[in-house]
PDB file of N, CA and C in Angstrom:
ATOM      1  N   UNK A   1     123.005 116.585  86.892  1.00  0.00           N
ATOM      2  CA  UNK A   1     123.155 115.064  86.734  1.00  0.00           C
ATOM      3  C   UNK A   1     123.421 114.558  88.363  1.00  0.00           C
ATOM      4  N   UNK A   2     122.581 113.549  88.896  1.00  0.00           N
ATOM      5  CA  UNK A   2     122.617 113.281  90.359  1.00  0.00           C
ATOM      6  C   UNK A   2     123.356 111.854  90.136  1.00  0.00           C
ATOM      7  N   UNK A   3     123.834 111.337  91.380  1.00  0.00           N
ATOM      8  CA  UNK A   3     124.541 110.078  91.427  1.00  0.00           C
ATOM      9  C   UNK A   3     124.470 109.858  93.126  1.00  0.00           C
ATOM     10  N   UNK A   4     123.832 108.912  93.453  1.00  0.00           N
ATOM     11  CA  UNK A   4     123.611 108.687  94.929  1.00  0.00           C
ATOM     12  C   UNK A   4     123.378 107.381  95.297  1.00  0.00           C
ATOM     13  N   UNK A   5     124.213 106.978  96.288  1.00  0.00           N
ATOM     14  CA  UNK A   5     124.041 105.660  96.744  1.00  0.00           C
ATOM     15  C   UNK A   5     122.552 104.841  97.003  1.00  0.00           C
ATOM     16  N   UNK A   6     121.981 105.937  97.255  1.00  0.00           N
ATOM     17  CA  UNK A   6     120.464 105.233  97.164  1.00  0.00           C
ATOM     18  C   UNK A   6     119.786 105.167  96.083  1.00  0.00           C
ATOM     19  N   UNK A   7     119.124 104.333  95.825  1.00  0.00           N
ATOM     20  CA  UNK A   7     118.034 103.907  94.467  1.00  0.00           C
ATOM     21  C   UNK A   7     116.703 105.005  94.532  1.00  0.00           C
ATOM     22  N   UNK A   8     116.319 105.764  95.389  1.00  0.00           N
ATOM     23  CA  UNK A   8     115.634 106.796  95.322  1.00  0.00           C
ATOM     24  C   UNK A   8     115.731 108.017  95.736  1.00  0.00           C
ATOM     25  N   UNK A   9     115.310 108.888  94.751  1.00  0.00           N
ATOM     26  CA  UNK A   9     115.710 110.182  94.782  1.00  0.00           C
ATOM     27  C   UNK A   9     115.235 111.070  95.759  1.00  0.00           C
ATOM     28  N   UNK A  10     113.931 110.614  96.177  1.00  0.00           N
ATOM     29  CA  UNK A  10     112.873 111.288  97.219  1.00  0.00           C
ATOM     30  C   UNK A  10     113.770 110.682  98.462  1.00  0.00           C
ATOM     31  N   UNK A  11     113.939 109.204  98.834  1.00  0.00           N
ATOM     32  CA  UNK A  11     114.321 108.516 100.037  1.00  0.00           C
ATOM     33  C   UNK A  11     115.782 109.428 100.141  1.00  0.00           C
ATOM     34  N   UNK A  12     116.503 109.435  99.397  1.00  0.00           N
ATOM     35  CA  UNK A  12     117.760 110.394  99.663  1.00  0.00           C
ATOM     36  C   UNK A  12     117.547 111.772 100.269  1.00  0.00           C
ATOM     37  N   UNK A  13     116.837 112.678  99.628  1.00  0.00           N
ATOM     38  CA  UNK A  13     116.347 113.853  99.904  1.00  0.00           C
ATOM     39  C   UNK A  13     115.720 113.734 101.563  1.00  0.00           C
ATOM     40  N   UNK A  14     115.015 112.759 101.624  1.00  0.00           N
ATOM     41  CA  UNK A  14     114.355 112.887 102.971  1.00  0.00           C
ATOM     42  C   UNK A  14     115.491 112.572 104.085  1.00  0.00           C
ATOM     43  N   UNK A  15     116.205 111.585 103.894  1.00  0.00           N
ATOM     44  CA  UNK A  15     117.554 111.103 104.724  1.00  0.00           C
ATOM     45  C   UNK A  15     118.010 112.359 104.915  1.00  0.00           C
ATOM     46  N   UNK A  16     118.645 113.117 103.666  1.00  0.00           N
ATOM     47  CA  UNK A  16     119.510 114.463 103.761  1.00  0.00           C
ATOM     48  C   UNK A  16     118.723 115.614 104.881  1.00  0.00           C
ATOM     49  N   UNK A  17     117.373 115.692 104.888  1.00  0.00           N
ATOM     50  CA  UNK A  17     116.969 116.794 105.446  1.00  0.00           C
ATOM     51  C   UNK A  17     116.971 116.248 106.910  1.00  0.00           C
ATOM     52  N   UNK A  18     116.713 114.795 107.010  1.00  0.00           N
ATOM     53  CA  UNK A  18     116.679 114.621 108.560  1.00  0.00           C
ATOM     54  C   UNK A  18     118.219 114.682 109.241  1.00  0.00           C
ATOM     55  N   UNK A  19     119.119 114.384 108.472  1.00  0.00           N
ATOM     56  CA  UNK A  19     120.438 114.383 108.850  1.00  0.00           C
ATOM     57  C   UNK A  19     121.010 116.086 108.970  1.00  0.00           C
ATOM     58  N   UNK A  20     120.884 116.663 107.785  1.00  0.00           N
ATOM     59  CA  UNK A  20     121.797 118.030 107.838  1.00  0.00           C
ATOM     60  C   UNK A  20     120.941 119.228 108.105  1.00  0.00           C
ATOM     61  N   UNK A  21     119.117 119.001 108.183  1.00  0.00           N
ATOM     62  CA  UNK A  21     118.117 119.813 108.170  1.00  0.00           C
ATOM     63  C   UNK A  21     117.887 120.537 106.841  1.00  0.00           C
ATOM     64  N   UNK A  22     118.264 120.067 105.790  1.00  0.00           N
ATOM     65  CA  UNK A  22     118.053 120.733 104.284  1.00  0.00           C
ATOM     66  C   UNK A  22     118.490 119.445 103.552  1.00  0.00           C
ATOM     67  N   UNK A  23     118.038 119.867 101.817  1.00  0.00           N
ATOM     68  CA  UNK A  23     118.240 119.041 100.973  1.00  0.00           C
ATOM     69  C   UNK A  23     118.097 119.534  99.715  1.00  0.00           C
ATOM     70  N   UNK A  24     118.584 118.716  98.694  1.00  0.00           N
ATOM     71  CA  UNK A  24     118.750 119.110  97.265  1.00  0.00           C
ATOM     72  C   UNK A  24     117.488 119.777  96.751  1.00  0.00           C
ATOM     73  N   UNK A  25     116.618 118.888  97.089  1.00  0.00           N
ATOM     74  CA  UNK A  25     115.237 119.162  96.364  1.00  0.00           C
ATOM     75  C   UNK A  25     115.142 120.608  96.722  1.00  0.00           C
ATOM     76  N   UNK A  26     115.114 120.812  98.097  1.00  0.00           N
ATOM     77  CA  UNK A  26     114.588 122.183  98.251  1.00  0.00           C
ATOM     78  C   UNK A  26     115.793 123.533  97.883  1.00  0.00           C
ATOM     79  N   UNK A  27     116.867 123.123  97.952  1.00  0.00           N
ATOM     80  CA  UNK A  27     117.830 124.142  97.600  1.00  0.00           C
ATOM     81  C   UNK A  27     118.091 124.255  96.258  1.00  0.00           C
ATOM     82  N   UNK A  28     117.949 123.141  95.329  1.00  0.00           N
ATOM     83  CA  UNK A  28     117.836 123.210  93.788  1.00  0.00           C
ATOM     84  C   UNK A  28     116.828 123.741  93.098  1.00  0.00           C
ATOM     85  N   UNK A  29     115.760 123.035  93.693  1.00  0.00           N
ATOM     86  CA  UNK A  29     114.535 123.050  92.896  1.00  0.00           C
ATOM     87  C   UNK A  29     113.350 123.771  93.880  1.00  0.00           C
ATOM     88  N   UNK A  30     113.652 124.197  94.457  1.00  0.00           N
ATOM     89  CA  UNK A  30     112.594 125.153  95.530  1.00  0.00           C
ATOM     90  C   UNK A  30     111.267 124.362  95.743  1.00  0.00           C
ATOM     91  N   UNK A  31     111.781 122.980  96.055  1.00  0.00           N
ATOM     92  CA  UNK A  31     111.096 121.939  96.717  1.00  0.00           C
ATOM     93  C   UNK A  31     110.391 122.160  97.976  1.00  0.00           C
ATOM     94  N   UNK A  32     109.362 122.735  98.651  1.00  0.00           N
ATOM     95  CA  UNK A  32     109.067 123.043 100.046  1.00  0.00           C
ATOM     96  C   UNK A  32     108.979 121.927 100.432  1.00  0.00           C
ATOM     97  N   UNK A  33     107.945 121.047 100.306  1.00  0.00           N
ATOM     98  CA  UNK A  33     108.079 119.532 101.398  1.00  0.00           C
ATOM     99  C   UNK A  33     107.949 118.527 100.110  1.00  0.00           C
ATOM    100  N   UNK A  34     108.918 117.577 100.730  1.00  0.00           N
ATOM    101  CA  UNK A  34     109.029 116.350  99.727  1.00  0.00           C
ATOM    102  C   UNK A  34     107.938 115.305  99.615  1.00  0.00           C
ATOM    103  N   UNK A  35     107.274 115.299  98.771  1.00  0.00           N
ATOM    104  CA  UNK A  35     106.249 114.756  98.589  1.00  0.00           C
ATOM    105  C   UNK A  35     106.590 112.787  99.010  1.00  0.00           C
ATOM    106  N   UNK A  36     105.483 112.017  99.197  1.00  0.00           N
ATOM    107  CA  UNK A  36     105.388 110.957  99.877  1.00  0.00           C
ATOM    108  C   UNK A  36     105.533 109.742  98.447  1.00  0.00           C
ATOM    109  N   UNK A  37     106.237 108.874  98.661  1.00  0.00           N
ATOM    110  CA  UNK A  37     105.951 107.739  97.257  1.00  0.00           C
ATOM    111  C   UNK A  37     104.752 107.634  96.507  1.00  0.00           C
ATOM    112  N   UNK A  38     103.792 107.235  97.737  1.00  0.00           N
ATOM    113  CA  UNK A  38     102.133 107.329  97.084  1.00  0.00           C
ATOM    114  C   UNK A  38     101.749 108.623  96.611  1.00  0.00           C
ATOM    115  N   UNK A  39     101.883 109.714  96.875  1.00  0.00           N
ATOM    116  CA  UNK A  39     101.525 110.883  96.553  1.00  0.00           C
ATOM    117  C   UNK A  39     102.295 110.841  95.040  1.00  0.00           C
ATOM    118  N   UNK A  40     103.381 110.786  94.717  1.00  0.00           N
ATOM    119  CA  UNK A  40     104.009 111.020  93.346  1.00  0.00           C
ATOM    120  C   UNK A  40     103.042 109.826  92.756  1.00  0.00           C
ATOM    121  N   UNK A  41     102.770 108.773  93.144  1.00  0.00           N
ATOM    122  CA  UNK A  41     101.802 107.727  92.360  1.00  0.00           C
ATOM    123  C   UNK A  41     100.455 108.197  91.745  1.00  0.00           C
ATOM    124  N   UNK A  42     100.336 108.622  92.794  1.00  0.00           N
ATOM    125  CA  UNK A  42      98.834 109.267  92.821  1.00  0.00           C
ATOM    126  C   UNK A  42      98.886 110.392  91.679  1.00  0.00           C
ATOM    127  N   UNK A  43      99.933 111.403  91.582  1.00  0.00           N
ATOM    128  CA  UNK A  43     100.158 112.437  90.709  1.00  0.00           C
ATOM    129  C   UNK A  43     100.423 111.909  89.270  1.00  0.00           C
ATOM    130  N   UNK A  44     101.272 110.776  89.247  1.00  0.00           N
ATOM    131  CA  UNK A  44     101.811 110.786  87.975  1.00  0.00           C
ATOM    132  C   UNK A  44     101.000 109.408  87.066  1.00  0.00           C
ATOM    133  N   UNK A  45     100.240 108.381  88.068  1.00  0.00           N
ATOM    134  CA  UNK A  45     100.030 107.490  87.159  1.00  0.00           C
ATOM    135  C   UNK A  45      98.691 107.244  86.550  1.00  0.00           C
ATOM    136  N   UNK A  46      97.923 108.436  86.721  1.00  0.00           N
ATOM    137  CA  UNK A  46      96.710 108.461  85.808  1.00  0.00           C
ATOM    138  C   UNK A  46      97.194 109.497  84.357  1.00  0.00           C
ATOM    139  N   UNK A  47      98.292 109.792  84.583  1.00  0.00           N
ATOM    140  CA  UNK A  47      98.814 110.528  83.121  1.00  0.00           C
ATOM    141  C   UNK A  47      99.471 109.610  82.210  1.00  0.00           C
ATOM    142  N   UNK A  48      98.978 109.545  81.045  1.00  0.00           N
ATOM    143  CA  UNK A  48      99.645 108.507  80.030  1.00  0.00           C
ATOM    144  C   UNK A  48     101.254 109.059  79.554  1.00  0.00           C
ATOM    145  N   UNK A  49     102.150 108.335  79.381  1.00  0.00           N
ATOM    146  CA  UNK A  49     103.393 108.810  79.008  1.00  0.00           C
ATOM    147  C   UNK A  49     103.196 109.866  77.796  1.00  0.00           C
ATOM    148  N   UNK A  50     102.389 109.458  76.704  1.00  0.00           N
ATOM    149  CA  UNK A  50     102.187 110.265  75.601  1.00  0.00           C
ATOM    150  C   UNK A  50     102.090 111.882  75.994  1.00  0.00           C
ATOM    151  N   UNK A  51     101.491 112.063  77.148  1.00  0.00           N
ATOM    152  CA  UNK A  51     101.505 113.146  77.296  1.00  0.00           C
ATOM    153  C   UNK A  51     102.474 113.870  77.874  1.00  0.00           C
ATOM    154  N   UNK A  52     103.582 113.492  78.358  1.00  0.00           N
ATOM    155  CA  UNK A  52     104.791 113.719  78.830  1.00  0.00           C
ATOM    156  C   UNK A  52     105.835 114.207  77.579  1.00  0.00           C
ATOM    157  N   UNK A  53     105.563 113.366  76.702  1.00  0.00           N
ATOM    158  CA  UNK A  53     106.505 113.558  75.292  1.00  0.00           C
ATOM    159  C   UNK A  53     106.769 115.211  75.104  1.00  0.00           C
ATOM    160  N   UNK A  54     105.834 115.969  74.694  1.00  0.00           N
ATOM    161  CA  UNK A  54     105.829 117.092  74.163  1.00  0.00           C
ATOM    162  C   UNK A  54     106.507 117.993  75.295  1.00  0.00           C
ATOM    163  N   UNK A  55     106.133 117.959  76.053  1.00  0.00           N
ATOM    164  CA  UNK A  55     106.785 118.963  77.261  1.00  0.00           C
ATOM    165  C   UNK A  55     108.149 118.517  77.715  1.00  0.00           C
ATOM    166  N   UNK A  56     108.549 117.331  77.693  1.00  0.00           N
ATOM    167  CA  UNK A  56     110.162 116.735  77.525  1.00  0.00           C
ATOM    168  C   UNK A  56     110.852 117.422  76.597  1.00  0.00           C
ATOM    169  N   UNK A  57     110.509 117.305  75.512  1.00  0.00           N
ATOM    170  CA  UNK A  57     111.284 118.024  74.204  1.00  0.00           C
ATOM    171  C   UNK A  57     111.342 119.385  74.278  1.00  0.00           C
ATOM    172  N   UNK A  58     110.197 120.112  74.707  1.00  0.00           N
ATOM    173  CA  UNK A  58     110.153 121.534  74.800  1.00  0.00           C
ATOM    174  C   UNK A  58     111.073 122.010  75.768  1.00  0.00           C
ATOM    175  N   UNK A  59     111.108 121.291  77.353  1.00  0.00           N
ATOM    176  CA  UNK A  59     112.255 121.583  78.118  1.00  0.00           C
ATOM    177  C   UNK A  59     113.683 121.232  77.762  1.00  0.00           C
ATOM    178  N   UNK A  60     113.741 120.012  77.228  1.00  0.00           N
ATOM    179  CA  UNK A  60     115.100 120.089  76.506  1.00  0.00           C
ATOM    180  C   UNK A  60     115.600 120.859  75.687  1.00  0.00           C
ATOM    181  N   UNK A  61     115.011 121.342  74.874  1.00  0.00           N
ATOM    182  CA  UNK A  61     115.406 122.376  73.933  1.00  0.00           C
ATOM    183  C   UNK A  61     115.828 123.783  74.576  1.00  0.00           C
ATOM    184  N   UNK A  62     115.038 123.944  75.512  1.00  0.00           N
ATOM    185  CA  UNK A  62     115.257 125.334  76.454  1.00  0.00           C
ATOM    186  C   UNK A  62     116.487 124.851  76.717  1.00  0.00           C
ATOM    187  N   UNK A  63     116.707 123.759  77.676  1.00  0.00           N
ATOM    188  CA  UNK A  63     118.074 123.923  78.250  1.00  0.00           C
ATOM    189  C   UNK A  63     119.220 123.433  77.397  1.00  0.00           C
ATOM    190  N   UNK A  64     119.137 123.078  76.523  1.00  0.00           N
ATOM    191  CA  UNK A  64     120.268 122.843  75.427  1.00  0.00           C
ATOM    192  C   UNK A  64     120.653 124.482  74.840  1.00  0.00           C
ATOM    193  N   UNK A  65     119.783 125.208  74.780  1.00  0.00           N
ATOM    194  CA  UNK A  65     120.064 126.827  74.586  1.00  0.00           C
ATOM    195  C   UNK A  65     121.183 127.137  75.261  1.00  0.00           C
ATOM    196  N   UNK A  66     121.338 126.833  76.506  1.00  0.00           N
ATOM    197  CA  UNK A  66     122.650 127.181  77.504  1.00  0.00           C
ATOM    198  C   UNK A  66     123.732 126.256  77.267  1.00  0.00           C
ATOM    199  N   UNK A  67     124.922 127.090  76.432  1.00  0.00           N
ATOM    200  CA  UNK A  67     125.928 125.903  76.234  1.00  0.00           C
ATOM    201  C   UNK A  67     126.710 125.063  77.123  1.00  0.00           C
ATOM    202  N   UNK A  68     126.583 125.890  78.440  1.00  0.00           N
ATOM    203  CA  UNK A  68     127.107 125.236  79.332  1.00  0.00           C
ATOM    204  C   UNK A  68     126.290 123.862  80.195  1.00  0.00           C
ATOM    205  N   UNK A  69     125.084 123.972  79.698  1.00  0.00           N
ATOM    206  CA  UNK A  69     124.088 122.689  80.043  1.00  0.00           C
ATOM    207  C   UNK A  69     124.090 121.868  78.812  1.00  0.00           C
ATOM    208  N   UNK A  70     124.493 122.557  77.439  1.00  0.00           N
ATOM    209  CA  UNK A  70     124.581 121.302  76.474  1.00  0.00           C
ATOM    210  C   UNK A  70     125.733 120.481  76.684  1.00  0.00           C
ATOM    211  N   UNK A  71     126.798 121.066  77.263  1.00  0.00           N
ATOM    212  CA  UNK A  71     128.200 120.450  77.114  1.00  0.00           C
ATOM    213  C   UNK A  71     127.876 119.429  78.090  1.00  0.00           C
ATOM    214  N   UNK A  72     127.227 119.268  78.962  1.00  0.00           N
ATOM    215  CA  UNK A  72     127.149 118.240  79.889  1.00  0.00           C
ATOM    216  C   UNK A  72     125.908 116.827  79.332  1.00  0.00           C
ATOM    217  N   UNK A  73     125.278 117.114  78.093  1.00  0.00           N
ATOM    218  CA  UNK A  73     124.764 116.279  77.578  1.00  0.00           C
ATOM    219  C   UNK A  73     125.692 115.885  76.578  1.00  0.00           C
ATOM    220  N   UNK A  74     126.543 116.326  76.015  1.00  0.00           N
ATOM    221  CA  UNK A  74     127.519 115.665  75.184  1.00  0.00           C
ATOM    222  C   UNK A  74     128.585 114.926  75.532  1.00  0.00           C
ATOM    223  N   UNK A  75     128.670 113.444  75.074  1.00  0.00           N
ATOM    224  CA  UNK A  75     129.941 112.651  75.464  1.00  0.00           C
ATOM    225  C   UNK A  75     130.273 111.906  74.077  1.00  0.00           C
ATOM    226  N   UNK A  76     131.183 112.359  73.500  1.00  0.00           N
ATOM    227  CA  UNK A  76     131.793 111.688  72.362  1.00  0.00           C
ATOM    228  C   UNK A  76     131.058 111.913  71.251  1.00  0.00           C
ATOM    229  N   UNK A  77     130.231 113.103  71.063  1.00  0.00           N
ATOM    230  CA  UNK A  77     129.225 113.172  69.940  1.00  0.00           C
ATOM    231  C   UNK A  77     127.898 112.689  70.270  1.00  0.00           C
ATOM    232  N   UNK A  78     127.660 111.903  71.359  1.00  0.00           N
ATOM    233  CA  UNK A  78     126.180 111.265  71.560  1.00  0.00           C
ATOM    234  C   UNK A  78     125.900 111.930  72.891  1.00  0.00           C
ATOM    235  N   UNK A  79     124.507 111.765  73.322  1.00  0.00           N
ATOM    236  CA  UNK A  79     123.891 112.254  74.351  1.00  0.00           C
ATOM    237  C   UNK A  79     124.150 111.112  75.459  1.00  0.00           C
ATOM    238  N   UNK A  80     124.429 111.800  76.481  1.00  0.00           N
ATOM    239  CA  UNK A  80     124.355 111.064  78.177  1.00  0.00           C
ATOM    240  C   UNK A  80     122.475 111.094  78.438  1.00  0.00           C
ATOM    241  N   UNK A  81     122.287 110.213  78.813  1.00  0.00           N
ATOM    242  CA  UNK A  81     120.820 109.622  78.847  1.00  0.00           C
ATOM    243  C   UNK A  81     120.758 108.859  80.301  1.00  0.00           C
ATOM    244  N   UNK A  82     120.004 109.026  81.314  1.00  0.00           N
ATOM    245  CA  UNK A  82     119.623 108.179  81.908  1.00  0.00           C
ATOM    246  C   UNK A  82     118.541 107.044  82.157  1.00  0.00           C
ATOM    247  N   UNK A  83     118.515 106.203  82.225  1.00  0.00           N
ATOM    248  CA  UNK A  83     117.148 104.955  81.951  1.00  0.00           C
ATOM    249  C   UNK A  83     117.034 104.093  83.123  1.00  0.00           C
ATOM    250  N   UNK A  84     115.695 104.093  83.439  1.00  0.00           N
ATOM    251  CA  UNK A  84     115.686 103.146  84.592  1.00  0.00           C
ATOM    252  C   UNK A  84     115.669 101.460  83.863  1.00  0.00           C
ATOM    253  N   UNK A  85     116.661 100.725  84.223  1.00  0.00           N
ATOM    254  CA  UNK A  85     117.188  99.629  83.606  1.00  0.00           C
ATOM    255  C   UNK A  85     116.133  98.475  83.847  1.00  0.00           C
ATOM    256  N   UNK A  86     115.106  98.582  84.959  1.00  0.00           N
ATOM    257  CA  UNK A  86     113.983  97.558  85.196  1.00  0.00           C
ATOM    258  C   UNK A  86     113.082  97.351  83.698  1.00  0.00           C
ATOM    259  N   UNK A  87     113.128  98.278  83.037  1.00  0.00           N
ATOM    260  CA  UNK A  87     112.088  97.901  81.980  1.00  0.00           C
ATOM    261  C   UNK A  87     112.662  97.102  80.816  1.00  0.00           C
ATOM    262  N   UNK A  88     114.000  97.396  80.499  1.00  0.00           N
ATOM    263  CA  UNK A  88     114.624  97.052  79.742  1.00  0.00           C
ATOM    264  C   UNK A  88     115.674  95.884  79.725  1.00  0.00           C
ATOM    265  N   UNK A  89     115.831  95.361  81.117  1.00  0.00           N
ATOM    266  CA  UNK A  89     116.773  93.778  81.315  1.00  0.00           C
ATOM    267  C   UNK A  89     115.585  93.171  82.306  1.00  0.00           C
ATOM    268  N   UNK A  90     115.112  92.467  82.097  1.00  0.00           N
ATOM    269  CA  UNK A  90     114.376  91.894  82.801  1.00  0.00           C
ATOM    270  C   UNK A  90     113.795  90.540  82.164  1.00  0.00           C
ATOM    271  N   UNK A  91     113.213  89.548  82.868  1.00  0.00           N
ATOM    272  CA  UNK A  91     113.262  88.183  82.433  1.00  0.00           C
ATOM    273  C   UNK A  91     111.732  87.291  83.028  1.00  0.00           C
ATOM    274  N   UNK A  92     111.228  86.717  82.159  1.00  0.00           N
ATOM    275  CA  UNK A  92     110.130  86.025  82.848  1.00  0.00           C
ATOM    276  C   UNK A  92     110.551  84.298  83.309  1.00  0.00           C
ATOM    277  N   UNK A  93     111.582  84.060  82.769  1.00  0.00           N
ATOM    278  CA  UNK A  93     112.379  82.920  83.184  1.00  0.00           C
ATOM    279  C   UNK A  93     113.441  82.976  84.068  1.00  0.00           C
ATOM    280  N   UNK A  94     114.444  83.562  83.655  1.00  0.00           N
ATOM    281  CA  UNK A  94     115.995  83.806  84.379  1.00  0.00           C
ATOM    282  C   UNK A  94     115.829  84.634  85.816  1.00  0.00           C
ATOM    283  N   UNK A  95     116.201  84.110  86.641  1.00  0.00           N
ATOM    284  CA  UNK A  95     115.817  84.331  88.122  1.00  0.00           C
ATOM    285  C   UNK A  95     116.740  84.134  89.117  1.00  0.00           C
ATOM    286  N   UNK A  96     116.761  84.889  90.247  1.00  0.00           N
ATOM    287  CA  UNK A  96     117.599  84.144  91.598  1.00  0.00           C
ATOM    288  C   UNK A  96     116.742  84.639  92.796  1.00  0.00           C
ATOM    289  N   UNK A  97     117.117  84.339  94.064  1.00  0.00           N
ATOM    290  CA  UNK A  97     116.443  84.486  95.075  1.00  0.00           C
ATOM    291  C   UNK A  97     116.253  85.747  95.350  1.00  0.00           C
ATOM    292  N   UNK A  98     117.473  86.844  95.012  1.00  0.00           N
ATOM    293  CA  UNK A  98     117.552  88.102  95.226  1.00  0.00           C
ATOM    294  C   UNK A  98     117.089  89.015  94.418  1.00  0.00           C
ATOM    295  N   UNK A  99     116.128  88.434  93.091  1.00  0.00           N
ATOM    296  CA  UNK A  99     115.776  89.453  92.138  1.00  0.00           C
ATOM    297  C   UNK A  99     114.608  90.184  92.624  1.00  0.00           C
ATOM    298  N   UNK A 100     114.176  91.457  92.226  1.00  0.00           N
ATOM    299  CA  UNK A 100     113.527  91.734  92.053  1.00  0.00           C
ATOM    300  C   UNK A 100     112.486  91.654  91.283  1.00  0.00           C
ATOM    301  N   UNK A 101     111.186  91.070  91.955  1.00  0.00           N
ATOM    302  CA  UNK A 101     110.018  90.751  91.188  1.00  0.00           C
ATOM    303  C   UNK A 101     108.887  91.777  90.852  1.00  0.00           C
ATOM    304  N   UNK A 102     108.342  92.059  89.682  1.00  0.00           N
ATOM    305  CA  UNK A 102     107.414  92.930  89.399  1.00  0.00           C
ATOM    306  C   UNK A 102     106.116  91.839  88.882  1.00  0.00           C
ATOM    307  N   UNK A 103     104.550  92.159  89.407  1.00  0.00           N
ATOM    308  CA  UNK A 103     103.855  91.421  89.387  1.00  0.00           C
ATOM    309  C   UNK A 103     102.761  92.378  88.571  1.00  0.00           C
ATOM    310  N   UNK A 104     102.670  91.893  87.312  1.00  0.00           N
ATOM    311  CA  UNK A 104     101.679  92.689  86.542  1.00  0.00           C
ATOM    312  C   UNK A 104     100.570  91.700  86.086  1.00  0.00           C
ATOM    313  N   UNK A 105      98.935  92.115  86.170  1.00  0.00           N
ATOM    314  CA  UNK A 105      98.350  91.189  85.868  1.00  0.00           C
ATOM    315  C   UNK A 105      98.536  90.021  86.423  1.00  0.00           C
ATOM    316  N   UNK A 106      98.779  88.829  85.460  1.00  0.00           N
ATOM    317  CA  UNK A 106      98.806  87.339  86.083  1.00  0.00           C
ATOM    318  C   UNK A 106     100.786  87.054  85.705  1.00  0.00           C
ATOM    319  N   UNK A 107     101.394  88.115  85.230  1.00  0.00           N
ATOM    320  CA  UNK A 107     102.767  87.627  85.015  1.00  0.00           C
ATOM    321  C   UNK A 107     103.617  88.300  85.699  1.00  0.00           C
ATOM    322  N   UNK A 108     105.114  87.483  86.178  1.00  0.00           N
ATOM    323  CA  UNK A 108     105.564  87.593  87.019  1.00  0.00           C
ATOM    324  C   UNK A 108     106.963  88.244  86.102  1.00  0.00           C
ATOM    325  N   UNK A 109     107.643  89.331  86.340  1.00  0.00           N
ATOM    326  CA  UNK A 109     108.910  89.681  85.748  1.00  0.00           C
ATOM    327  C   UNK A 109     110.146  89.754  86.813  1.00  0.00           C
ATOM    328  N   UNK A 110     110.969  89.100  86.399  1.00  0.00           N
ATOM    329  CA  UNK A 110     112.278  89.126  87.428  1.00  0.00           C
ATOM    330  C   UNK A 110     113.575  90.515  86.734  1.00  0.00           C
ATOM    331  N   UNK A 111     113.924  91.314  87.478  1.00  0.00           N
ATOM    332  CA  UNK A 111     114.732  92.121  87.105  1.00  0.00           C
ATOM    333  C   UNK A 111     116.210  91.283  87.099  1.00  0.00           C
ATOM    334  N   UNK A 112     116.908  91.248  85.961  1.00  0.00           N
ATOM    335  CA  UNK A 112     118.262  90.501  85.905  1.00  0.00           C
ATOM    336  C   UNK A 112     119.077  91.595  85.888  1.00  0.00           C
ATOM    337  N   UNK A 113     120.285  91.069  86.115  1.00  0.00           N
ATOM    338  CA  UNK A 113     121.754  91.827  85.951  1.00  0.00           C
ATOM    339  C   UNK A 113     122.592  91.111  85.030  1.00  0.00           C
ATOM    340  N   UNK A 114     123.305  91.803  84.108  1.00  0.00           N
ATOM    341  CA  UNK A 114     124.396  91.382  83.217  1.00  0.00           C
ATOM    342  C   UNK A 114     123.735  91.009  81.790  1.00  0.00           C
TER     343      UNK A 114
END
């Protein structure tokens, strides 16, 4: 589980690499070169989410076989799960000058808080 003050995992890793000469992506996951944001989009955008569902559950099942990992998911009888709230808390009518605006086709959607 990661908690960072930076909203972007990759941006945080790049900054850590610049400041300390190493980063978590390299030491924890063996990532030799941190990809750019456009490269991540180039790789992932063509993949339909449907194709990621089965591998997700397979990987989760393998992780849960390790009791110490499984304990990290358990919270009062439920599971902890990180979600990107921008897909769940947005509005096409409520907004302020500081809102993040997403433009899809001809529709603008504002990220809302609260």
